[in-house]
Amino acid sequence: LSEAGARIAREVADEFTASTGQQRWVLGSMGPGTKLPTLGHISYGQIRDAYQINAEGLITGGADALLVETT
């Protein structure tokens, strides 16, 4: 889902840039999560792995930068 969303945003941003000459950036947002490792809802390894998959999808889809929200 992250890759598909970033790809759609990248296509729209590139179309806008081509038609107006104004550069547009695609920012991929990650989080916030609803599970907290400090409260035992999820392990640190699981949340790390989920963020890794999310980040890789956003980058592959064409995001220029990643925004990490609070958890």
N, C-alpha and C. Protein backbone atom coordinates (compact mmCIF):
# COMPACT_ATOMS: atom_id res chain seq x y z
N LEU A 1 0.82 -1.20 0.00
CA LEU A 1 0.00 0.00 0.00
C LEU A 1 0.86 1.26 0.00
N SER A 2 1.93 1.23 0.76
CA SER A 2 2.82 2.40 0.80
C SER A 2 3.42 2.69 -0.56
N GLU A 3 3.87 1.64 -1.23
CA GLU A 3 4.47 1.82 -2.55
C GLU A 3 3.45 2.36 -3.54
N ALA A 4 2.26 1.80 -3.54
CA ALA A 4 1.22 2.24 -4.48
C ALA A 4 0.84 3.70 -4.22
N GLY A 5 0.68 4.07 -2.96
CA GLY A 5 0.33 5.45 -2.63
C GLY A 5 1.41 6.43 -3.05
N ALA A 6 2.66 6.07 -2.80
CA ALA A 6 3.77 6.94 -3.19
C ALA A 6 3.87 7.05 -4.70
N ARG A 7 3.62 5.96 -5.40
CA ARG A 7 3.68 5.97 -6.86
C ARG A 7 2.61 6.91 -7.45
N ILE A 8 1.40 6.85 -6.91
CA ILE A 8 0.34 7.74 -7.37
C ILE A 8 0.71 9.19 -7.10
N ALA A 9 1.20 9.47 -5.90
CA ALA A 9 1.60 10.83 -5.55
C ALA A 9 2.73 11.32 -6.45
N ARG A 10 3.70 10.44 -6.76
CA ARG A 10 4.82 10.79 -7.62
C ARG A 10 4.33 11.15 -9.02
N GLU A 11 3.39 10.36 -9.56
CA GLU A 11 2.85 10.63 -10.89
C GLU A 11 2.15 11.98 -10.93
N VAL A 12 1.34 12.28 -9.93
CA VAL A 12 0.62 13.55 -9.88
C VAL A 12 1.61 14.71 -9.73
N ALA A 13 2.60 14.56 -8.86
CA ALA A 13 3.59 15.62 -8.66
C ALA A 13 4.37 15.87 -9.95
N ASP A 14 4.75 14.81 -10.64
CA ASP A 14 5.50 14.97 -11.90
C ASP A 14 4.65 15.63 -12.98
N GLU A 15 3.36 15.28 -13.04
CA GLU A 15 2.46 15.92 -14.00
C GLU A 15 2.33 17.41 -13.71
N PHE A 16 2.21 17.76 -12.44
CA PHE A 16 2.11 19.16 -12.04
C PHE A 16 3.38 19.91 -12.43
N THR A 17 4.53 19.32 -12.15
CA THR A 17 5.81 19.95 -12.49
C THR A 17 5.93 20.14 -13.99
N ALA A 18 5.52 19.14 -14.77
CA ALA A 18 5.61 19.24 -16.22
C ALA A 18 4.70 20.33 -16.77
N SER A 19 3.53 20.50 -16.19
CA SER A 19 2.58 21.47 -16.73
C SER A 19 2.82 22.90 -16.25
N THR A 20 3.44 23.07 -15.08
CA THR A 20 3.62 24.42 -14.53
C THR A 20 5.08 24.84 -14.40
N GLY A 21 5.97 23.88 -14.40
CA GLY A 21 7.38 24.18 -14.18
C GLY A 21 7.74 24.34 -12.71
N GLN A 22 6.76 24.21 -11.83
CA GLN A 22 7.01 24.33 -10.38
C GLN A 22 7.26 22.94 -9.80
N GLN A 23 8.39 22.76 -9.15
CA GLN A 23 8.77 21.48 -8.56
C GLN A 23 7.83 21.12 -7.40
N ARG A 24 7.43 19.88 -7.35
CA ARG A 24 6.64 19.36 -6.24
C ARG A 24 7.34 18.14 -5.68
N TRP A 25 7.26 17.98 -4.37
CA TRP A 25 7.92 16.88 -3.68
C TRP A 25 6.89 15.90 -3.16
N VAL A 26 7.29 14.66 -3.06
CA VAL A 26 6.44 13.62 -2.49
C VAL A 26 7.03 13.23 -1.14
N LEU A 27 6.25 13.41 -0.07
CA LEU A 27 6.69 13.05 1.27
C LEU A 27 5.88 11.86 1.74
N GLY A 28 6.56 10.83 2.20
CA GLY A 28 5.89 9.63 2.69
C GLY A 28 5.81 9.65 4.20
N SER A 29 4.59 9.54 4.72
CA SER A 29 4.38 9.57 6.16
C SER A 29 4.34 8.16 6.74
N MET A 30 5.03 7.98 7.85
CA MET A 30 5.08 6.69 8.54
C MET A 30 4.60 6.88 9.98
N GLY A 31 3.53 6.18 10.32
CA GLY A 31 3.01 6.26 11.68
C GLY A 31 1.91 7.30 11.79
N PRO A 32 1.42 7.63 12.93
CA PRO A 32 1.81 7.05 14.22
C PRO A 32 1.23 5.65 14.39
N GLY A 33 1.85 4.90 15.23
CA GLY A 33 1.35 3.56 15.50
C GLY A 33 0.36 3.55 16.64
N THR A 34 -0.43 2.51 16.71
CA THR A 34 -1.40 2.38 17.81
C THR A 34 -0.93 1.39 18.86
N LYS A 35 0.20 0.75 18.59
CA LYS A 35 0.77 -0.22 19.52
C LYS A 35 2.06 0.36 20.11
N LEU A 36 2.24 0.16 21.40
CA LEU A 36 3.42 0.70 22.07
C LEU A 36 4.29 -0.41 22.64
N PRO A 37 5.57 -0.45 22.24
CA PRO A 37 6.47 -1.45 22.81
C PRO A 37 6.66 -1.28 24.32
N THR A 38 6.62 -0.06 24.79
CA THR A 38 6.83 0.19 26.22
C THR A 38 5.70 -0.36 27.08
N LEU A 39 4.52 -0.56 26.47
CA LEU A 39 3.39 -1.12 27.21
C LEU A 39 3.16 -2.60 26.89
N GLY A 40 4.08 -3.19 26.09
CA GLY A 40 3.99 -4.60 25.78
C GLY A 40 3.01 -4.96 24.68
N HIS A 41 2.49 -3.95 23.96
CA HIS A 41 1.55 -4.24 22.87
C HIS A 41 2.24 -4.92 21.69
N ILE A 42 3.51 -4.63 21.49
CA ILE A 42 4.26 -5.09 20.33
C ILE A 42 5.74 -5.08 20.73
N SER A 43 6.53 -5.92 20.11
CA SER A 43 7.96 -5.90 20.43
C SER A 43 8.66 -4.81 19.61
N TYR A 44 9.80 -4.38 20.09
CA TYR A 44 10.58 -3.39 19.35
C TYR A 44 10.97 -3.92 17.97
N GLY A 45 11.29 -5.20 17.90
CA GLY A 45 11.65 -5.81 16.62
C GLY A 45 10.50 -5.78 15.62
N GLN A 46 9.29 -6.05 16.08
CA GLN A 46 8.13 -6.03 15.19
C GLN A 46 7.85 -4.63 14.66
N ILE A 47 7.93 -3.64 15.51
CA ILE A 47 7.65 -2.28 15.06
C ILE A 47 8.76 -1.79 14.12
N ARG A 48 10.01 -2.17 14.43
CA ARG A 48 11.12 -1.82 13.55
C ARG A 48 10.92 -2.44 12.17
N ASP A 49 10.56 -3.71 12.13
CA ASP A 49 10.36 -4.39 10.86
C ASP A 49 9.21 -3.77 10.06
N ALA A 50 8.14 -3.39 10.74
CA ALA A 50 7.00 -2.77 10.06
C ALA A 50 7.39 -1.42 9.47
N TYR A 51 8.13 -0.61 10.22
CA TYR A 51 8.60 0.67 9.70
C TYR A 51 9.56 0.48 8.53
N GLN A 52 10.38 -0.55 8.58
CA GLN A 52 11.32 -0.85 7.49
C GLN A 52 10.56 -1.16 6.20
N ILE A 53 9.54 -2.02 6.30
CA ILE A 53 8.74 -2.37 5.13
C ILE A 53 8.03 -1.13 4.59
N ASN A 54 7.48 -0.33 5.48
CA ASN A 54 6.80 0.90 5.09
C ASN A 54 7.76 1.84 4.38
N ALA A 55 8.93 2.05 4.94
CA ALA A 55 9.93 2.95 4.34
C ALA A 55 10.38 2.46 2.97
N GLU A 56 10.64 1.17 2.86
CA GLU A 56 11.09 0.63 1.57
C GLU A 56 10.01 0.80 0.50
N GLY A 57 8.74 0.61 0.86
CA GLY A 57 7.66 0.81 -0.09
C GLY A 57 7.55 2.24 -0.54
N LEU A 58 7.65 3.17 0.39
CA LEU A 58 7.57 4.60 0.05
C LEU A 58 8.72 5.02 -0.86
N ILE A 59 9.90 4.56 -0.56
CA ILE A 59 11.07 4.93 -1.37
C ILE A 59 10.96 4.30 -2.76
N THR A 60 10.58 3.04 -2.82
CA THR A 60 10.41 2.37 -4.11
C THR A 60 9.34 3.06 -4.95
N GLY A 61 8.30 3.54 -4.30
CA GLY A 61 7.21 4.23 -4.99
C GLY A 61 7.56 5.63 -5.47
N GLY A 62 8.66 6.17 -4.99
CA GLY A 62 9.11 7.47 -5.48
C GLY A 62 9.05 8.61 -4.49
N ALA A 63 8.90 8.32 -3.20
CA ALA A 63 8.90 9.39 -2.21
C ALA A 63 10.26 10.07 -2.15
N ASP A 64 10.26 11.38 -2.03
CA ASP A 64 11.50 12.15 -1.93
C ASP A 64 12.03 12.20 -0.50
N ALA A 65 11.15 12.08 0.46
CA ALA A 65 11.55 12.14 1.88
C ALA A 65 10.54 11.37 2.70
N LEU A 66 10.94 10.99 3.91
CA LEU A 66 10.06 10.27 4.83
C LEU A 66 9.80 11.12 6.06
N LEU A 67 8.55 11.11 6.50
CA LEU A 67 8.16 11.80 7.72
C LEU A 67 7.80 10.73 8.74
N VAL A 68 8.49 10.70 9.85
CA VAL A 68 8.20 9.71 10.88
C VAL A 68 7.37 10.40 11.95
N GLU A 69 6.11 9.94 12.09
CA GLU A 69 5.21 10.51 13.08
C GLU A 69 5.50 9.91 14.46
N THR A 70 4.94 10.50 15.47
CA THR A 70 5.15 10.01 16.83
C THR A 70 4.38 8.72 17.05
N THR A 71 4.81 7.94 18.02
CA THR A 71 4.06 6.75 18.39
C THR A 71 3.57 6.90 19.80
